[in-house]
Amino acid sequence: MMTCYNDIILNRQFYKKQLNYHLKNICACSDIGKQRNRQEDSILVLENPLDNDIKIIAVADGMGGLSNGGKASNIALLNLAKWFLYDLKCNNNLNNFIDKLKIMINEIDIMIRNNCNGGGTTLSTAIILKNNTIFINIGDSRIYIKNNNNFFQLSKDHSIVWDMYEKGEIINKDDMRFHKKNNLITSRLGCESKRLKIDFNILDNLSYDDIFLFTDGVTDCLSDDVINKIVEDNSHADISRVIVKNAISTNSYNLNLNPDEYYNEIYGGKDNSSAVVFSKKMDMGGNYDI
C-alpha cells in the first residue's frame, strides 16, 4: 500500500521513465514521453491506514524547468500524502473540512515558492470519503467523471484557452489543445509570485462510477472522445496504462484551423503523461511500480 508513498518520500518518481501503481479500485500510470529527459509529473494513490474505504488520488504537473518543476510537484504530493495519512480528520461538516484544506494548500503554495527556485505545479486530486468525494483542481490538469454512459470533465482548466472557450472565442472544446497559447495557465502552486485559484467540487459517492485524473500530457494528445472510447474498450485495471500508452504514441491533426493561432499537429509523447483512475467496478489488490 505504501509503495507510491515511499517513491514520493524518496523522490523516485522523478528518476523513473514509467510508473505503474495498483490498489483496490485504483490504477495509475505515468510515462516521461518522447521529448523529456526526466519526469516532472508526480502521482499519488493511497488508502487511509485506519479505513481502506477512504482514499486519495492525485496528479501534479511540474513547471519552471526540469529540476524545479519535478521538485514542485513532488513537494505538493508529499505534503498532501502526509496530511492524508497523519492529519486527516473526517467529520460531517464538509465546509469545515474544505476550510482546513484551503489552509493546507496555501501552506504548500508558500513552501513551493520558498524552495523550488521559481518552479511550480498544477494539482488535481480526489479525496474519497465515506459518503462524499472532495475534488480539488489548480491549473490545467483535469478531473473527469463517468456515470453509466455519461463521460464528462468535472474540472475547469485554469488557462488562457479555457477562458477563450468559455467566452466563445474558441467554439470547439477539442480545438483548445491545438491553440498556441494552450500552455499558458492562470493558476498554479508555486512559481515566483502568488497566482493561486483553488476550485472545489463535492459529489455524493452514489453519483458517479469512475474518476479520472490526467495531466495535460494526456489531454493535449487525446481528445475526450478518444479517452472515452479507451475507457469503454478496456478492463478497468488496464485503463490508466492504455490511456498513457496512447497519449505517448498518438499524433493528432486538425488542418482546418488558422495556422497563425493554432498548431495543425500535436505529436504524441510531447510531454510527461499521467493518468490515475478510481473505479467502483475494479477490485484489485497489490502494488506494482516499474
Protein backbone atom coordinates (compact mmCIF):
# COMPACT_ATOMS: atom_id res chain seq x y z
CA MET A 1 0.00 0.00 0.00
CA MET A 2 2.89 2.36 0.72
CA THR A 3 4.90 1.81 -2.48
CA CYS A 4 3.68 5.05 -4.05
CA TYR A 5 4.19 6.99 -0.82
CA ASN A 6 7.74 5.65 -0.44
CA ASP A 7 8.54 6.67 -4.01
CA ILE A 8 7.31 10.19 -3.26
CA ILE A 9 9.26 10.43 0.02
CA LEU A 10 12.46 9.37 -1.75
CA ASN A 11 11.63 11.36 -4.90
CA ARG A 12 11.99 8.21 -7.00
CA GLN A 13 9.24 9.20 -9.44
CA PHE A 14 11.47 11.96 -10.80
CA TYR A 15 14.02 9.37 -11.99
CA LYS A 16 11.75 6.70 -13.47
CA LYS A 17 10.74 6.54 -17.12
CA GLN A 18 7.48 4.81 -16.30
CA LEU A 19 5.40 4.26 -13.18
CA ASN A 20 2.54 1.86 -12.54
CA TYR A 21 0.63 1.55 -9.29
CA HIS A 22 -2.38 -0.60 -8.40
CA LEU A 23 -4.55 -0.61 -5.32
CA LYS A 24 -8.05 -1.93 -4.80
CA ASN A 25 -10.25 0.11 -7.18
CA ILE A 26 -7.29 2.28 -8.31
CA CYS A 27 -4.83 2.09 -11.19
CA ALA A 28 -2.23 4.72 -12.05
CA CYS A 29 0.39 5.15 -14.76
CA SER A 30 2.91 7.81 -15.74
CA ASP A 31 5.45 7.99 -18.58
CA ILE A 32 8.13 10.59 -19.34
CA GLY A 33 7.14 10.63 -23.02
CA LYS A 34 9.39 11.05 -26.04
CA GLN A 35 10.83 14.54 -25.57
CA ARG A 36 11.62 14.88 -21.85
CA ASN A 37 14.72 13.56 -20.11
CA ARG A 38 13.14 13.39 -16.66
CA GLN A 39 9.76 13.18 -15.04
CA GLU A 40 8.10 16.41 -13.84
CA ASP A 41 4.72 14.79 -13.20
CA SER A 42 4.01 13.23 -9.80
CA ILE A 43 1.17 10.83 -9.00
CA LEU A 44 -0.33 9.76 -5.68
CA VAL A 45 -2.57 6.81 -4.77
CA LEU A 46 -3.18 5.99 -1.10
CA GLU A 47 -5.64 4.30 1.20
CA ASN A 48 -6.14 5.57 4.72
CA PRO A 49 -4.44 3.10 7.12
CA LEU A 50 -7.38 3.22 9.54
CA ASP A 51 -10.07 2.78 6.89
CA ASN A 52 -9.26 1.43 3.44
CA ASP A 53 -12.51 2.78 2.02
CA ILE A 54 -11.11 6.29 2.45
CA LYS A 55 -8.70 7.02 -0.40
CA ILE A 56 -6.82 9.82 -2.11
CA ILE A 57 -5.69 10.04 -5.73
CA ALA A 58 -3.78 12.95 -7.26
CA VAL A 59 -1.69 14.15 -10.19
CA ALA A 60 0.64 17.14 -10.25
CA ASP A 61 2.37 18.54 -13.34
CA GLY A 62 5.53 20.48 -12.55
CA MET A 63 6.70 23.53 -14.48
CA GLY A 64 9.53 26.04 -14.47
CA GLY A 65 12.46 23.92 -15.57
CA LEU A 66 13.16 20.23 -15.12
CA SER A 67 14.51 20.04 -11.57
CA ASN A 68 12.37 22.92 -10.32
CA GLY A 69 9.13 21.53 -11.76
CA GLY A 70 9.81 18.00 -10.59
CA LYS A 71 10.62 19.24 -7.11
CA ALA A 72 7.48 21.38 -7.00
CA SER A 73 5.14 18.53 -7.99
CA ASN A 74 6.87 16.22 -5.51
CA ILE A 75 6.52 18.73 -2.64
CA ALA A 76 2.83 19.18 -3.41
CA LEU A 77 2.01 15.48 -3.32
CA LEU A 78 4.36 14.66 -0.45
CA ASN A 79 2.64 17.15 1.82
CA LEU A 80 -0.79 16.10 0.59
CA ALA A 81 0.10 12.48 1.40
CA LYS A 82 1.40 13.33 4.88
CA TRP A 83 -1.80 15.21 5.65
CA PHE A 84 -3.91 12.30 4.40
CA LEU A 85 -2.01 9.66 6.38
CA TYR A 86 -1.43 11.51 9.63
CA ASP A 87 -3.71 14.54 9.96
CA LEU A 88 -6.93 13.64 8.14
CA LYS A 89 -9.92 14.05 10.43
CA CYS A 90 -13.24 13.15 8.82
CA ASN A 91 -16.43 14.66 10.13
CA ASN A 92 -19.86 15.56 8.83
CA ASN A 93 -19.04 19.25 8.42
CA LEU A 94 -17.78 19.44 4.82
CA ASN A 95 -17.42 23.23 4.91
CA ASN A 96 -15.05 22.98 7.86
CA PHE A 97 -13.18 20.19 6.09
CA ILE A 98 -12.71 22.34 2.99
CA ASP A 99 -11.60 25.36 5.05
CA LYS A 100 -8.80 23.23 6.51
CA LEU A 101 -7.88 22.01 3.03
CA LYS A 102 -7.61 25.60 1.83
CA ILE A 103 -5.21 26.42 4.66
CA MET A 104 -3.05 23.40 3.88
CA ILE A 105 -2.94 24.13 0.14
CA ASN A 106 -1.92 27.74 0.77
CA GLU A 107 0.87 26.46 3.02
CA ILE A 108 2.04 24.13 0.25
CA ASP A 109 1.99 27.06 -2.19
CA ILE A 110 4.29 29.06 0.10
CA MET A 111 6.55 26.06 0.64
CA ILE A 112 7.00 25.56 -3.12
CA ARG A 113 7.66 29.26 -3.74
CA ASN A 114 10.29 29.25 -1.00
CA ASN A 115 12.07 26.07 -2.06
CA CYS A 116 11.77 25.49 -5.81
CA ASN A 117 13.64 28.44 -7.34
CA GLY A 118 10.71 29.57 -9.46
CA GLY A 119 9.24 26.13 -10.04
CA GLY A 120 5.52 25.49 -9.79
CA THR A 121 2.94 22.79 -10.32
CA THR A 122 -0.66 22.03 -11.14
CA LEU A 123 -2.72 19.84 -8.83
CA SER A 124 -5.80 17.69 -9.40
CA THR A 125 -6.95 15.44 -6.60
CA ALA A 126 -9.92 13.44 -5.36
CA ILE A 127 -10.38 12.63 -1.67
CA ILE A 128 -12.84 9.76 -1.42
CA LEU A 129 -14.62 9.75 1.94
CA LYS A 130 -17.43 7.54 3.26
CA ASN A 131 -20.33 9.37 1.60
CA ASN A 132 -18.79 12.15 -0.47
CA THR A 133 -15.79 12.84 -2.66
CA ILE A 134 -13.94 16.15 -2.48
CA PHE A 135 -12.32 17.28 -5.74
CA ILE A 136 -9.61 19.94 -5.90
CA ASN A 137 -8.22 21.46 -9.08
CA ILE A 138 -5.43 24.01 -9.63
CA GLY A 139 -4.13 24.65 -13.15
CA ASP A 140 -4.84 22.65 -16.30
CA SER A 141 -4.57 19.06 -15.14
CA ARG A 142 -8.06 17.62 -15.39
CA ILE A 143 -10.70 15.66 -13.49
CA TYR A 144 -13.23 13.56 -15.41
CA ILE A 145 -16.24 11.60 -14.17
CA LYS A 146 -18.10 8.68 -15.70
CA ASN A 147 -21.60 7.72 -14.58
CA ASN A 148 -23.29 5.00 -16.62
CA ASN A 149 -22.61 6.14 -20.20
CA ASN A 150 -22.01 9.79 -19.31
CA PHE A 151 -18.32 10.77 -19.50
CA PHE A 152 -17.56 14.42 -18.78
CA GLN A 153 -14.94 16.83 -17.50
CA LEU A 154 -15.75 17.93 -13.95
CA SER A 155 -12.95 20.45 -13.52
CA LYS A 156 -12.40 23.69 -15.39
CA ASP A 157 -8.94 24.44 -16.74
CA HIS A 158 -7.26 27.47 -15.26
CA SER A 159 -5.83 28.56 -18.59
CA ILE A 160 -5.96 31.27 -21.22
CA VAL A 161 -7.55 28.94 -23.78
CA TRP A 162 -10.25 27.76 -21.36
CA ASP A 163 -11.21 31.40 -20.78
CA MET A 164 -11.35 31.85 -24.56
CA TYR A 165 -13.53 28.75 -24.84
CA GLU A 166 -15.96 29.99 -22.20
CA LYS A 167 -16.18 33.37 -23.94
CA GLY A 168 -16.96 31.68 -27.27
CA GLU A 169 -13.68 32.75 -28.87
CA ILE A 170 -12.89 29.05 -29.31
CA ILE A 171 -16.00 27.18 -30.44
CA ASN A 172 -14.99 23.54 -30.23
CA LYS A 173 -13.52 22.30 -26.99
CA ASP A 174 -11.11 19.97 -28.77
CA ASP A 175 -9.58 22.92 -30.62
CA MET A 176 -8.15 24.23 -27.35
CA ARG A 177 -5.40 21.65 -27.33
CA PHE A 178 -4.16 22.87 -30.74
CA HIS A 179 -4.05 26.56 -29.74
CA LYS A 180 -0.60 28.12 -29.46
CA LYS A 181 -1.47 29.59 -26.03
CA ASN A 182 -2.58 26.23 -24.67
CA ASN A 183 0.35 26.06 -22.24
CA LEU A 184 -0.46 29.38 -20.52
CA ILE A 185 -2.15 28.68 -17.20
CA THR A 186 -3.76 31.18 -14.84
CA SER A 187 -3.44 29.33 -11.53
CA ARG A 188 -0.69 27.19 -10.04
CA LEU A 189 1.07 26.22 -6.86
CA GLY A 190 4.42 27.96 -6.50
CA CYS A 191 6.41 29.99 -9.05
CA GLU A 192 7.83 33.40 -8.19
CA SER A 193 4.61 35.22 -7.38
CA LYS A 194 1.35 34.01 -5.90
CA ARG A 195 -1.25 33.15 -8.52
CA LEU A 196 -3.39 30.60 -6.77
CA LYS A 197 -7.03 29.87 -7.52
CA ILE A 198 -8.44 26.69 -5.99
CA ASP A 199 -11.57 25.03 -7.36
CA PHE A 200 -13.51 22.66 -5.12
CA ASN A 201 -16.29 20.27 -6.11
CA ILE A 202 -18.21 17.88 -3.88
CA LEU A 203 -20.07 14.85 -5.24
CA ASP A 204 -22.13 12.25 -3.47
CA ASN A 205 -20.38 8.91 -3.93
CA LEU A 206 -23.55 7.45 -5.43
CA SER A 207 -23.47 9.99 -8.27
CA TYR A 208 -20.52 8.50 -10.19
CA ASP A 209 -18.94 5.18 -11.16
CA ASP A 210 -15.41 6.25 -12.11
CA ILE A 211 -12.98 9.12 -11.52
CA PHE A 212 -10.15 10.00 -13.92
CA LEU A 213 -7.26 12.38 -13.27
CA PHE A 214 -4.97 13.42 -16.16
CA THR A 215 -2.05 15.74 -16.67
CA ASP A 216 -2.04 17.70 -19.91
CA GLY A 217 0.40 15.22 -21.44
CA VAL A 218 -2.70 13.04 -21.81
CA THR A 219 -5.40 15.60 -22.63
CA ASP A 220 -3.23 17.54 -25.11
CA CYS A 221 -2.63 14.35 -27.08
CA LEU A 222 -6.01 12.61 -26.80
CA SER A 223 -9.48 14.04 -27.34
CA ASP A 224 -12.27 13.41 -24.84
CA ASP A 225 -13.93 11.07 -27.34
CA VAL A 226 -10.76 9.01 -27.75
CA ILE A 227 -10.27 8.74 -23.99
CA ASN A 228 -13.88 7.65 -23.50
CA LYS A 229 -13.50 5.01 -26.23
CA ILE A 230 -10.42 3.63 -24.44
CA VAL A 231 -12.38 3.52 -21.19
CA GLU A 232 -15.21 1.61 -22.85
CA ASP A 233 -12.95 -0.87 -24.66
CA ASN A 234 -10.59 -1.88 -21.83
CA SER A 235 -10.79 -3.52 -18.44
CA HIS A 236 -10.80 -1.03 -15.60
CA ALA A 237 -7.50 -2.35 -14.25
CA ASP A 238 -5.77 -1.53 -17.56
CA ILE A 239 -7.31 1.87 -18.32
CA SER A 240 -4.58 4.15 -16.94
CA ARG A 241 -1.82 2.20 -18.69
CA VAL A 242 -3.65 2.09 -22.04
CA ILE A 243 -4.53 5.80 -21.91
CA VAL A 244 -0.92 6.77 -21.24
CA LYS A 245 0.34 4.39 -23.93
CA ASN A 246 -1.98 6.01 -26.46
CA ALA A 247 -1.02 9.54 -25.36
CA ILE A 248 2.62 8.65 -25.99
CA SER A 249 2.02 7.11 -29.42
CA THR A 250 -0.83 9.13 -30.98
CA ASN A 251 -0.30 12.11 -33.26
CA SER A 252 -3.32 14.41 -33.67
CA TYR A 253 -4.15 16.54 -36.69
CA ASN A 254 -6.52 19.42 -37.39
CA LEU A 255 -5.84 21.06 -40.74
CA ASN A 256 -8.90 23.30 -40.65
CA LEU A 257 -7.59 25.75 -38.05
CA ASN A 258 -5.85 29.09 -38.65
CA PRO A 259 -2.10 28.31 -38.58
CA ASP A 260 -1.37 31.78 -37.18
CA GLU A 261 -3.18 30.85 -33.96
CA TYR A 262 -3.19 27.06 -33.94
CA TYR A 263 -0.82 24.17 -34.47
CA ASN A 264 -2.10 21.75 -37.08
CA GLU A 265 -0.35 18.76 -35.49
CA ILE A 266 0.26 17.53 -31.96
CA TYR A 267 2.96 14.92 -31.51
CA GLY A 268 2.25 12.05 -29.15
CA GLY A 269 4.62 11.89 -26.23
CA LYS A 270 5.47 15.59 -26.37
CA ASP A 271 5.25 15.81 -22.57
CA ASN A 272 5.17 13.66 -19.46
CA SER A 273 1.81 11.85 -19.40
CA SER A 274 -0.01 10.67 -16.28
CA ALA A 275 -3.38 9.05 -15.60
CA VAL A 276 -4.99 7.89 -12.35
CA VAL A 277 -8.30 6.01 -12.31
CA PHE A 278 -10.62 5.15 -9.45
CA SER A 279 -13.36 2.72 -10.43
CA LYS A 280 -16.02 1.10 -8.27
CA LYS A 281 -16.10 -1.75 -10.79
CA MET A 282 -12.43 -2.63 -10.29
CA ASP A 283 -11.36 -4.87 -7.42
CA MET A 284 -7.60 -5.20 -7.39
CA GLY A 285 -5.01 -5.52 -4.68
CA GLY A 286 -1.26 -5.12 -4.50
CA ASN A 287 1.23 -2.53 -5.65
CA TYR A 288 3.42 -2.57 -8.73
CA ASP A 289 5.85 0.00 -9.93
CA ILE A 290 8.17 -0.18 -12.91
